[in-house]
Amino acid sequence: MTKRELYRDKYQAQLHEWSAKLEELSAHQDKLTADAKIAAQPHLESVKKKLEHARTKLVEIAEASDDKWDEFVAGVDKYWSETKAAFEGAYDAIRAPEVAPSAPSSR
């Protein structure tokens, strides 16, 4: 396998993992309270857009010229890091346990 193919396969696997996690988050969102759903929605929308853009980056890997490869890889790596951070933020926001009301103290 060429370096380009390995690189593409690495990001294809990551994209597949993120797509599965997005489905999980969407399913979990259905179980949230109305306020939590409203708070989670912008995170999900952001991640969906980033995943769509990431899919185009995979196509660009195959089309990148050899003389611009190092520059291209740096750009894709940066974008992938940003996408990962957005995903982790959405995951934390949606999967964070809802705070249960505290029990009244007995006096």
PDB file of N, CA and C in Angstrom:
ATOM      1  N   MET A   1       0.845  -1.187   0.000  1.00  0.00           N
ATOM      2  CA  MET A   1       0.000   0.000   0.000  1.00  0.00           C
ATOM      3  C   MET A   1       0.882   1.239   0.000  1.00  0.00           C
ATOM      4  N   THR A   2       0.421   2.249  -0.687  1.00  0.00           N
ATOM      5  CA  THR A   2       1.155   3.502  -0.703  1.00  0.00           C
ATOM      6  C   THR A   2       0.826   4.311   0.543  1.00  0.00           C
ATOM      7  N   LYS A   3       1.663   5.283   0.802  1.00  0.00           N
ATOM      8  CA  LYS A   3       1.445   6.165   1.942  1.00  0.00           C
ATOM      9  C   LYS A   3       0.078   6.855   1.814  1.00  0.00           C
ATOM     10  N   ARG A   4      -0.270   7.257   0.623  1.00  0.00           N
ATOM     11  CA  ARG A   4      -1.550   7.919   0.371  1.00  0.00           C
ATOM     12  C   ARG A   4      -2.718   6.984   0.695  1.00  0.00           C
ATOM     13  N   GLU A   5      -2.612   5.723   0.299  1.00  0.00           N
ATOM     14  CA  GLU A   5      -3.677   4.757   0.577  1.00  0.00           C
ATOM     15  C   GLU A   5      -3.806   4.501   2.077  1.00  0.00           C
ATOM     16  N   LEU A   6      -2.680   4.392   2.755  1.00  0.00           N
ATOM     17  CA  LEU A   6      -2.714   4.198   4.203  1.00  0.00           C
ATOM     18  C   LEU A   6      -3.359   5.392   4.907  1.00  0.00           C
ATOM     19  N   TYR A   7      -3.000   6.561   4.443  1.00  0.00           N
ATOM     20  CA  TYR A   7      -3.552   7.790   5.007  1.00  0.00           C
ATOM     21  C   TYR A   7      -5.062   7.832   4.797  1.00  0.00           C
ATOM     22  N   ARG A   8      -5.491   7.522   3.577  1.00  0.00           N
ATOM     23  CA  ARG A   8      -6.926   7.516   3.265  1.00  0.00           C
ATOM     24  C   ARG A   8      -7.648   6.485   4.129  1.00  0.00           C
ATOM     25  N   ASP A   9      -7.073   5.288   4.257  1.00  0.00           N
ATOM     26  CA  ASP A   9      -7.702   4.235   5.050  1.00  0.00           C
ATOM     27  C   ASP A   9      -7.821   4.624   6.519  1.00  0.00           C
ATOM     28  N   LYS A  10      -6.801   5.302   7.024  1.00  0.00           N
ATOM     29  CA  LYS A  10      -6.823   5.759   8.417  1.00  0.00           C
ATOM     30  C   LYS A  10      -8.007   6.696   8.652  1.00  0.00           C
ATOM     31  N   TYR A  11      -8.174   7.656   7.769  1.00  0.00           N
ATOM     32  CA  TYR A  11      -9.254   8.615   7.947  1.00  0.00           C
ATOM     33  C   TYR A  11     -10.617   8.039   7.577  1.00  0.00           C
ATOM     34  N   GLN A  12     -10.646   7.079   6.680  1.00  0.00           N
ATOM     35  CA  GLN A  12     -11.900   6.400   6.362  1.00  0.00           C
ATOM     36  C   GLN A  12     -12.405   5.654   7.599  1.00  0.00           C
ATOM     37  N   ALA A  13     -11.499   4.993   8.298  1.00  0.00           N
ATOM     38  CA  ALA A  13     -11.874   4.268   9.518  1.00  0.00           C
ATOM     39  C   ALA A  13     -12.368   5.239  10.592  1.00  0.00           C
ATOM     40  N   GLN A  14     -11.685   6.378  10.740  1.00  0.00           N
ATOM     41  CA  GLN A  14     -12.103   7.378  11.728  1.00  0.00           C
ATOM     42  C   GLN A  14     -13.476   7.940  11.374  1.00  0.00           C
ATOM     43  N   LEU A  15     -13.702   8.196  10.112  1.00  0.00           N
ATOM     44  CA  LEU A  15     -14.996   8.710   9.662  1.00  0.00           C
ATOM     45  C   LEU A  15     -16.105   7.697   9.942  1.00  0.00           C
ATOM     46  N   HIS A  16     -15.825   6.434   9.716  1.00  0.00           N
ATOM     47  CA  HIS A  16     -16.806   5.385   9.994  1.00  0.00           C
ATOM     48  C   HIS A  16     -17.139   5.346  11.496  1.00  0.00           C
ATOM     49  N   GLU A  17     -16.107   5.460  12.322  1.00  0.00           N
ATOM     50  CA  GLU A  17     -16.310   5.462  13.780  1.00  0.00           C
ATOM     51  C   GLU A  17     -17.150   6.660  14.207  1.00  0.00           C
ATOM     52  N   TRP A  18     -16.814   7.840  13.672  1.00  0.00           N
ATOM     53  CA  TRP A  18     -17.570   9.038  14.031  1.00  0.00           C
ATOM     54  C   TRP A  18     -19.019   8.946  13.564  1.00  0.00           C
ATOM     55  N   SER A  19     -19.253   8.374  12.414  1.00  0.00           N
ATOM     56  CA  SER A  19     -20.629   8.224  11.919  1.00  0.00           C
ATOM     57  C   SER A  19     -21.440   7.342  12.863  1.00  0.00           C
ATOM     58  N   ALA A  20     -20.832   6.270  13.340  1.00  0.00           N
ATOM     59  CA  ALA A  20     -21.516   5.387  14.289  1.00  0.00           C
ATOM     60  C   ALA A  20     -21.803   6.118  15.603  1.00  0.00           C
ATOM     61  N   LYS A  21     -20.833   6.898  16.071  1.00  0.00           N
ATOM     62  CA  LYS A  21     -21.044   7.648  17.315  1.00  0.00           C
ATOM     63  C   LYS A  21     -22.118   8.716  17.138  1.00  0.00           C
ATOM     64  N   LEU A  22     -22.192   9.306  15.953  1.00  0.00           N
ATOM     65  CA  LEU A  22     -23.231  10.301  15.699  1.00  0.00           C
ATOM     66  C   LEU A  22     -24.612   9.662  15.787  1.00  0.00           C
ATOM     67  N   GLU A  23     -24.741   8.467  15.254  1.00  0.00           N
ATOM     68  CA  GLU A  23     -26.014   7.748  15.367  1.00  0.00           C
ATOM     69  C   GLU A  23     -26.346   7.485  16.834  1.00  0.00           C
ATOM     70  N   GLU A  24     -25.338   7.101  17.601  1.00  0.00           N
ATOM     71  CA  GLU A  24     -25.530   6.851  19.029  1.00  0.00           C
ATOM     72  C   GLU A  24     -25.971   8.125  19.749  1.00  0.00           C
ATOM     73  N   LEU A  25     -25.318   9.231  19.429  1.00  0.00           N
ATOM     74  CA  LEU A  25     -25.672  10.498  20.073  1.00  0.00           C
ATOM     75  C   LEU A  25     -27.085  10.927  19.696  1.00  0.00           C
ATOM     76  N   SER A  26     -27.441  10.742  18.442  1.00  0.00           N
ATOM     77  CA  SER A  26     -28.794  11.106  18.001  1.00  0.00           C
ATOM     78  C   SER A  26     -29.837  10.275  18.735  1.00  0.00           C
ATOM     79  N   ALA A  27     -29.563   9.000  18.915  1.00  0.00           N
ATOM     80  CA  ALA A  27     -30.486   8.136  19.647  1.00  0.00           C
ATOM     81  C   ALA A  27     -30.565   8.551  21.115  1.00  0.00           C
ATOM     82  N   HIS A  28     -29.423   8.897  21.688  1.00  0.00           N
ATOM     83  CA  HIS A  28     -29.407   9.315  23.092  1.00  0.00           C
ATOM     84  C   HIS A  28     -30.145  10.642  23.272  1.00  0.00           C
ATOM     85  N   GLN A  29     -30.051  11.514  22.274  1.00  0.00           N
ATOM     86  CA  GLN A  29     -30.714  12.813  22.364  1.00  0.00           C
ATOM     87  C   GLN A  29     -32.220  12.646  22.540  1.00  0.00           C
ATOM     88  N   ASP A  30     -32.782  11.602  21.940  1.00  0.00           N
ATOM     89  CA  ASP A  30     -34.218  11.355  22.054  1.00  0.00           C
ATOM     90  C   ASP A  30     -34.651  11.100  23.502  1.00  0.00           C
ATOM     91  N   LYS A  31     -33.716  10.690  24.347  1.00  0.00           N
ATOM     92  CA  LYS A  31     -34.030  10.366  25.739  1.00  0.00           C
ATOM     93  C   LYS A  31     -33.853  11.563  26.676  1.00  0.00           C
ATOM     94  N   LEU A  32     -33.375  12.669  26.149  1.00  0.00           N
ATOM     95  CA  LEU A  32     -33.095  13.833  26.990  1.00  0.00           C
ATOM     96  C   LEU A  32     -34.356  14.641  27.272  1.00  0.00           C
ATOM     97  N   THR A  33     -34.257  15.484  28.263  1.00  0.00           N
ATOM     98  CA  THR A  33     -35.349  16.413  28.543  1.00  0.00           C
ATOM     99  C   THR A  33     -35.412  17.436  27.407  1.00  0.00           C
ATOM    100  N   ALA A  34     -36.490  18.162  27.332  1.00  0.00           N
ATOM    101  CA  ALA A  34     -36.656  19.144  26.261  1.00  0.00           C
ATOM    102  C   ALA A  34     -35.532  20.184  26.291  1.00  0.00           C
ATOM    103  N   ASP A  35     -35.183  20.690  27.466  1.00  0.00           N
ATOM    104  CA  ASP A  35     -34.110  21.683  27.568  1.00  0.00           C
ATOM    105  C   ASP A  35     -32.765  21.104  27.126  1.00  0.00           C
ATOM    106  N   ALA A  36     -32.514  19.873  27.518  1.00  0.00           N
ATOM    107  CA  ALA A  36     -31.253  19.232  27.141  1.00  0.00           C
ATOM    108  C   ALA A  36     -31.208  18.978  25.637  1.00  0.00           C
ATOM    109  N   LYS A  37     -32.347  18.633  25.038  1.00  0.00           N
ATOM    110  CA  LYS A  37     -32.408  18.444  23.583  1.00  0.00           C
ATOM    111  C   LYS A  37     -32.086  19.746  22.858  1.00  0.00           C
ATOM    112  N   ILE A  38     -32.653  20.827  23.349  1.00  0.00           N
ATOM    113  CA  ILE A  38     -32.407  22.143  22.741  1.00  0.00           C
ATOM    114  C   ILE A  38     -30.931  22.508  22.849  1.00  0.00           C
ATOM    115  N   ALA A  39     -30.337  22.235  23.994  1.00  0.00           N
ATOM    116  CA  ALA A  39     -28.918  22.539  24.197  1.00  0.00           C
ATOM    117  C   ALA A  39     -28.026  21.645  23.333  1.00  0.00           C
ATOM    118  N   ALA A  40     -28.443  20.416  23.101  1.00  0.00           N
ATOM    119  CA  ALA A  40     -27.626  19.463  22.345  1.00  0.00           C
ATOM    120  C   ALA A  40     -27.706  19.682  20.837  1.00  0.00           C
ATOM    121  N   GLN A  41     -28.807  20.216  20.350  1.00  0.00           N
ATOM    122  CA  GLN A  41     -29.029  20.315  18.908  1.00  0.00           C
ATOM    123  C   GLN A  41     -27.921  21.061  18.158  1.00  0.00           C
ATOM    124  N   PRO A  42     -27.451  22.218  18.633  1.00  0.00           N
ATOM    125  CA  PRO A  42     -26.370  22.900  17.888  1.00  0.00           C
ATOM    126  C   PRO A  42     -25.099  22.055  17.794  1.00  0.00           C
ATOM    127  N   HIS A  43     -24.814  21.279  18.830  1.00  0.00           N
ATOM    128  CA  HIS A  43     -23.640  20.414  18.815  1.00  0.00           C
ATOM    129  C   HIS A  43     -23.784  19.348  17.731  1.00  0.00           C
ATOM    130  N   LEU A  44     -24.968  18.730  17.670  1.00  0.00           N
ATOM    131  CA  LEU A  44     -25.198  17.695  16.667  1.00  0.00           C
ATOM    132  C   LEU A  44     -25.125  18.262  15.252  1.00  0.00           C
ATOM    133  N   GLU A  45     -25.710  19.414  15.051  1.00  0.00           N
ATOM    134  CA  GLU A  45     -25.684  20.028  13.719  1.00  0.00           C
ATOM    135  C   GLU A  45     -24.256  20.357  13.302  1.00  0.00           C
ATOM    136  N   SER A  46     -23.468  20.862  14.227  1.00  0.00           N
ATOM    137  CA  SER A  46     -22.078  21.192  13.930  1.00  0.00           C
ATOM    138  C   SER A  46     -21.295  19.941  13.536  1.00  0.00           C
ATOM    139  N   VAL A  47     -21.494  18.872  14.282  1.00  0.00           N
ATOM    140  CA  VAL A  47     -20.781  17.628  13.998  1.00  0.00           C
ATOM    141  C   VAL A  47     -21.229  17.057  12.648  1.00  0.00           C
ATOM    142  N   LYS A  48     -22.511  17.117  12.356  1.00  0.00           N
ATOM    143  CA  LYS A  48     -23.005  16.619  11.069  1.00  0.00           C
ATOM    144  C   LYS A  48     -22.348  17.359   9.911  1.00  0.00           C
ATOM    145  N   LYS A  49     -22.255  18.673  10.025  1.00  0.00           N
ATOM    146  CA  LYS A  49     -21.627  19.466   8.965  1.00  0.00           C
ATOM    147  C   LYS A  49     -20.147  19.117   8.826  1.00  0.00           C
ATOM    148  N   LYS A  50     -19.474  18.960   9.944  1.00  0.00           N
ATOM    149  CA  LYS A  50     -18.054  18.622   9.903  1.00  0.00           C
ATOM    150  C   LYS A  50     -17.834  17.238   9.289  1.00  0.00           C
ATOM    151  N   LEU A  51     -18.716  16.303   9.575  1.00  0.00           N
ATOM    152  CA  LEU A  51     -18.580  14.969   8.991  1.00  0.00           C
ATOM    153  C   LEU A  51     -18.800  15.005   7.480  1.00  0.00           C
ATOM    154  N   GLU A  52     -19.750  15.794   7.032  1.00  0.00           N
ATOM    155  CA  GLU A  52     -19.960  15.930   5.588  1.00  0.00           C
ATOM    156  C   GLU A  52     -18.720  16.517   4.927  1.00  0.00           C
ATOM    157  N   HIS A  53     -18.149  17.513   5.552  1.00  0.00           N
ATOM    158  CA  HIS A  53     -16.935  18.127   5.019  1.00  0.00           C
ATOM    159  C   HIS A  53     -15.776  17.131   5.055  1.00  0.00           C
ATOM    160  N   ALA A  54     -15.706  16.320   6.094  1.00  0.00           N
ATOM    161  CA  ALA A  54     -14.647  15.314   6.206  1.00  0.00           C
ATOM    162  C   ALA A  54     -14.750  14.297   5.067  1.00  0.00           C
ATOM    163  N   ARG A  55     -15.973  13.979   4.670  1.00  0.00           N
ATOM    164  CA  ARG A  55     -16.146  13.048   3.548  1.00  0.00           C
ATOM    165  C   ARG A  55     -15.551  13.634   2.264  1.00  0.00           C
ATOM    166  N   THR A  56     -15.690  14.934   2.073  1.00  0.00           N
ATOM    167  CA  THR A  56     -15.095  15.556   0.883  1.00  0.00           C
ATOM    168  C   THR A  56     -13.575  15.552   0.978  1.00  0.00           C
ATOM    169  N   LYS A  57     -13.058  15.647   2.185  1.00  0.00           N
ATOM    170  CA  LYS A  57     -11.606  15.599   2.369  1.00  0.00           C
ATOM    171  C   LYS A  57     -11.049  14.240   1.933  1.00  0.00           C
ATOM    172  N   LEU A  58     -11.810  13.172   2.160  1.00  0.00           N
ATOM    173  CA  LEU A  58     -11.360  11.850   1.729  1.00  0.00           C
ATOM    174  C   LEU A  58     -11.209  11.784   0.209  1.00  0.00           C
ATOM    175  N   VAL A  59     -12.143  12.400  -0.490  1.00  0.00           N
ATOM    176  CA  VAL A  59     -12.059  12.451  -1.952  1.00  0.00           C
ATOM    177  C   VAL A  59     -10.832  13.263  -2.361  1.00  0.00           C
ATOM    178  N   GLU A  60     -10.587  14.345  -1.663  1.00  0.00           N
ATOM    179  CA  GLU A  60      -9.453  15.209  -1.984  1.00  0.00           C
ATOM    180  C   GLU A  60      -8.111  14.496  -1.771  1.00  0.00           C
ATOM    181  N   ILE A  61      -8.063  13.542  -0.861  1.00  0.00           N
ATOM    182  CA  ILE A  61      -6.826  12.793  -0.639  1.00  0.00           C
ATOM    183  C   ILE A  61      -6.406  12.106  -1.938  1.00  0.00           C
ATOM    184  N   ALA A  62      -7.354  11.509  -2.612  1.00  0.00           N
ATOM    185  CA  ALA A  62      -7.047  10.812  -3.860  1.00  0.00           C
ATOM    186  C   ALA A  62      -6.643  11.783  -4.970  1.00  0.00           C
ATOM    187  N   GLU A  63      -7.140  13.004  -4.897  1.00  0.00           N
ATOM    188  CA  GLU A  63      -6.906  13.971  -5.967  1.00  0.00           C
ATOM    189  C   GLU A  63      -5.723  14.901  -5.719  1.00  0.00           C
ATOM    190  N   ALA A  64      -5.169  14.893  -4.524  1.00  0.00           N
ATOM    191  CA  ALA A  64      -4.076  15.815  -4.190  1.00  0.00           C
ATOM    192  C   ALA A  64      -2.835  15.476  -5.017  1.00  0.00           C
ATOM    193  N   SER A  65      -2.204  16.500  -5.535  1.00  0.00           N
ATOM    194  CA  SER A  65      -0.997  16.283  -6.339  1.00  0.00           C
ATOM    195  C   SER A  65       0.182  15.948  -5.430  1.00  0.00           C
ATOM    196  N   ASP A  66       1.125  15.211  -5.977  1.00  0.00           N
ATOM    197  CA  ASP A  66       2.287  14.794  -5.199  1.00  0.00           C
ATOM    198  C   ASP A  66       3.112  15.976  -4.700  1.00  0.00           C
ATOM    199  N   ASP A  67       3.225  17.021  -5.528  1.00  0.00           N
ATOM    200  CA  ASP A  67       4.052  18.159  -5.128  1.00  0.00           C
ATOM    201  C   ASP A  67       3.420  18.985  -4.019  1.00  0.00           C
ATOM    202  N   LYS A  68       2.129  18.839  -3.788  1.00  0.00           N
ATOM    203  CA  LYS A  68       1.430  19.565  -2.718  1.00  0.00           C
ATOM    204  C   LYS A  68       1.001  18.636  -1.576  1.00  0.00           C
ATOM    205  N   TRP A  69       1.470  17.391  -1.619  1.00  0.00           N
ATOM    206  CA  TRP A  69       1.009  16.389  -0.656  1.00  0.00           C
ATOM    207  C   TRP A  69       1.269  16.794   0.787  1.00  0.00           C
ATOM    208  N   ASP A  70       2.490  17.206   1.120  1.00  0.00           N
ATOM    209  CA  ASP A  70       2.814  17.553   2.507  1.00  0.00           C
ATOM    210  C   ASP A  70       1.956  18.706   3.015  1.00  0.00           C
ATOM    211  N   GLU A  71       1.750  19.696   2.179  1.00  0.00           N
ATOM    212  CA  GLU A  71       0.897  20.835   2.541  1.00  0.00           C
ATOM    213  C   GLU A  71      -0.551  20.373   2.723  1.00  0.00           C
ATOM    214  N   PHE A  72      -0.998  19.519   1.836  1.00  0.00           N
ATOM    215  CA  PHE A  72      -2.360  18.996   1.910  1.00  0.00           C
ATOM    216  C   PHE A  72      -2.563  18.195   3.192  1.00  0.00           C
ATOM    217  N   VAL A  73      -1.609  17.308   3.497  1.00  0.00           N
ATOM    218  CA  VAL A  73      -1.703  16.471   4.695  1.00  0.00           C
ATOM    219  C   VAL A  73      -1.782  17.335   5.949  1.00  0.00           C
ATOM    220  N   ALA A  74      -0.994  18.380   6.005  1.00  0.00           N
ATOM    221  CA  ALA A  74      -1.019  19.270   7.168  1.00  0.00           C
ATOM    222  C   ALA A  74      -2.411  19.896   7.330  1.00  0.00           C
ATOM    223  N   GLY A  75      -3.008  20.307   6.221  1.00  0.00           N
ATOM    224  CA  GLY A  75      -4.350  20.892   6.268  1.00  0.00           C
ATOM    225  C   GLY A  75      -5.401  19.890   6.707  1.00  0.00           C
ATOM    226  N   VAL A  76      -5.318  18.680   6.177  1.00  0.00           N
ATOM    227  CA  VAL A  76      -6.288  17.646   6.544  1.00  0.00           C
ATOM    228  C   VAL A  76      -6.108  17.253   8.009  1.00  0.00           C
ATOM    229  N   ASP A  77      -4.877  17.108   8.449  1.00  0.00           N
ATOM    230  CA  ASP A  77      -4.641  16.759   9.854  1.00  0.00           C
ATOM    231  C   ASP A  77      -5.226  17.820  10.792  1.00  0.00           C
ATOM    232  N   LYS A  78      -5.052  19.076  10.429  1.00  0.00           N
ATOM    233  CA  LYS A  78      -5.600  20.172  11.239  1.00  0.00           C
ATOM    234  C   LYS A  78      -7.125  20.096  11.266  1.00  0.00           C
ATOM    235  N   TYR A  79      -7.719  19.899  10.095  1.00  0.00           N
ATOM    236  CA  TYR A  79      -9.178  19.797  10.024  1.00  0.00           C
ATOM    237  C   TYR A  79      -9.671  18.606  10.847  1.00  0.00           C
ATOM    238  N   TRP A  80      -8.977  17.472  10.748  1.00  0.00           N
ATOM    239  CA  TRP A  80      -9.385  16.280  11.489  1.00  0.00           C
ATOM    240  C   TRP A  80      -9.310  16.525  12.991  1.00  0.00           C
ATOM    241  N   SER A  81      -8.304  17.254  13.445  1.00  0.00           N
ATOM    242  CA  SER A  81      -8.189  17.586  14.867  1.00  0.00           C
ATOM    243  C   SER A  81      -9.352  18.462  15.315  1.00  0.00           C
ATOM    244  N   GLU A  82      -9.723  19.418  14.486  1.00  0.00           N
ATOM    245  CA  GLU A  82     -10.856  20.293  14.803  1.00  0.00           C
ATOM    246  C   GLU A  82     -12.159  19.495  14.849  1.00  0.00           C
ATOM    247  N   THR A  83     -12.311  18.578  13.921  1.00  0.00           N
ATOM    248  CA  THR A  83     -13.511  17.742  13.888  1.00  0.00           C
ATOM    249  C   THR A  83     -13.577  16.857  15.121  1.00  0.00           C
ATOM    250  N   LYS A  84     -12.438  16.287  15.485  1.00  0.00           N
ATOM    251  CA  LYS A  84     -12.384  15.448  16.684  1.00  0.00           C
ATOM    252  C   LYS A  84     -12.770  16.248  17.919  1.00  0.00           C
ATOM    253  N   ALA A  85     -12.265  17.467  18.036  1.00  0.00           N
ATOM    254  CA  ALA A  85     -12.597  18.321  19.183  1.00  0.00           C
ATOM    255  C   ALA A  85     -14.088  18.644  19.206  1.00  0.00           C
ATOM    256  N   ALA A  86     -14.659  18.938  18.049  1.00  0.00           N
ATOM    257  CA  ALA A  86     -16.096  19.222  17.973  1.00  0.00           C
ATOM    258  C   ALA A  86     -16.902  17.993  18.374  1.00  0.00           C
ATOM    259  N   PHE A  87     -16.452  16.839  17.922  1.00  0.00           N
ATOM    260  CA  PHE A  87     -17.145  15.599  18.254  1.00  0.00           C
ATOM    261  C   PHE A  87     -17.084  15.327  19.745  1.00  0.00           C
ATOM    262  N   GLU A  88     -15.914  15.513  20.329  1.00  0.00           N
ATOM    263  CA  GLU A  88     -15.777  15.281  21.762  1.00  0.00           C
ATOM    264  C   GLU A  88     -16.638  16.259  22.562  1.00  0.00           C
ATOM    265  N   GLY A  89     -16.710  17.509  22.108  1.00  0.00           N
ATOM    266  CA  GLY A  89     -17.558  18.494  22.774  1.00  0.00           C
ATOM    267  C   GLY A  89     -19.023  18.111  22.697  1.00  0.00           C
ATOM    268  N   ALA A  90     -19.451  17.669  21.530  1.00  0.00           N
ATOM    269  CA  ALA A  90     -20.845  17.244  21.369  1.00  0.00           C
ATOM    270  C   ALA A  90     -21.123  16.010  22.213  1.00  0.00           C
ATOM    271  N   TYR A  91     -20.189  15.084  22.204  1.00  0.00           N
ATOM    272  CA  TYR A  91     -20.359  13.860  22.980  1.00  0.00           C
ATOM    273  C   TYR A  91     -20.487  14.181  24.465  1.00  0.00           C
ATOM    274  N   ASP A  92     -19.620  15.056  24.954  1.00  0.00           N
ATOM    275  CA  ASP A  92     -19.676  15.443  26.369  1.00  0.00           C
ATOM    276  C   ASP A  92     -20.984  16.159  26.694  1.00  0.00           C
ATOM    277  N   ALA A  93     -21.427  17.041  25.800  1.00  0.00           N
ATOM    278  CA  ALA A  93     -22.640  17.814  26.055  1.00  0.00           C
ATOM    279  C   ALA A  93     -23.884  16.935  26.065  1.00  0.00           C
ATOM    280  N   ILE A  94     -23.913  15.953  25.199  1.00  0.00           N
ATOM    281  CA  ILE A  94     -25.111  15.134  25.068  1.00  0.00           C
ATOM    282  C   ILE A  94     -25.104  13.955  26.035  1.00  0.00           C
ATOM    283  N   ARG A  95     -23.948  13.352  26.218  1.00  0.00           N
ATOM    284  CA  ARG A  95     -23.871  12.178  27.072  1.00  0.00           C
ATOM    285  C   ARG A  95     -23.656  12.516  28.544  1.00  0.00           C
ATOM    286  N   ALA A  96     -23.403  13.781  28.859  1.00  0.00           N
ATOM    287  CA  ALA A  96     -23.192  14.173  30.255  1.00  0.00           C
ATOM    288  C   ALA A  96     -24.442  13.829  31.051  1.00  0.00           C
ATOM    289  N   PRO A  97     -24.241  13.232  32.190  1.00  0.00           N
ATOM    290  CA  PRO A  97     -25.416  12.879  32.995  1.00  0.00           C
ATOM    291  C   PRO A  97     -26.164  14.132  33.435  1.00  0.00           C
ATOM    292  N   GLU A  98     -27.442  14.031  33.348  1.00  0.00           N
ATOM    293  CA  GLU A  98     -28.258  15.154  33.807  1.00  0.00           C
ATOM    294  C   GLU A  98     -28.167  15.219  35.327  1.00  0.00           C
ATOM    295  N   VAL A  99     -28.100  16.405  35.816  1.00  0.00           N
ATOM    296  CA  VAL A  99     -27.977  16.596  37.254  1.00  0.00           C
ATOM    297  C   VAL A  99     -29.323  16.317  37.902  1.00  0.00           C
ATOM    298  N   ALA A 100     -29.309  15.370  38.800  1.00  0.00           N
ATOM    299  CA  ALA A 100     -30.546  15.024  39.511  1.00  0.00           C
ATOM    300  C   ALA A 100     -30.773  16.040  40.622  1.00  0.00           C
ATOM    301  N   PRO A 101     -32.019  16.357  40.882  1.00  0.00           N
ATOM    302  CA  PRO A 101     -32.276  17.301  41.982  1.00  0.00           C
ATOM    303  C   PRO A 101     -31.800  16.694  43.283  1.00  0.00           C
ATOM    304  N   SER A 102     -31.219  17.544  44.113  1.00  0.00           N
ATOM    305  CA  SER A 102     -30.713  17.025  45.388  1.00  0.00           C
ATOM    306  C   SER A 102     -31.858  16.701  46.317  1.00  0.00           C
ATOM    307  N   ALA A 103     -31.631  15.683  47.091  1.00  0.00           N
ATOM    308  CA  ALA A 103     -32.653  15.257  48.047  1.00  0.00           C
ATOM    309  C   ALA A 103     -32.749  16.268  49.165  1.00  0.00           C
ATOM    310  N   PRO A 104     -33.955  16.516  49.655  1.00  0.00           N
ATOM    311  CA  PRO A 104     -34.073  17.456  50.764  1.00  0.00           C
ATOM    312  C   PRO A 104     -33.346  16.912  51.999  1.00  0.00           C
ATOM    313  N   SER A 105     -32.659  17.820  52.656  1.00  0.00           N
ATOM    314  CA  SER A 105     -31.932  17.389  53.845  1.00  0.00           C
ATOM    315  C   SER A 105     -32.887  17.258  55.014  1.00  0.00           C
ATOM    316  N   SER A 106     -32.613  16.285  55.858  1.00  0.00           N
ATOM    317  CA  SER A 106     -33.476  16.101  57.037  1.00  0.00           C
ATOM    318  C   SER A 106     -32.842  16.865  58.194  1.00  0.00           C
ATOM    319  N   ARG A 107     -33.651  17.612  58.888  1.00  0.00           N
ATOM    320  CA  ARG A 107     -33.163  18.406  60.021  1.00  0.00           C
ATOM    321  C   ARG A 107     -33.784  17.961  61.275  1.00  0.00           C
TER     322      ARG A 107
END
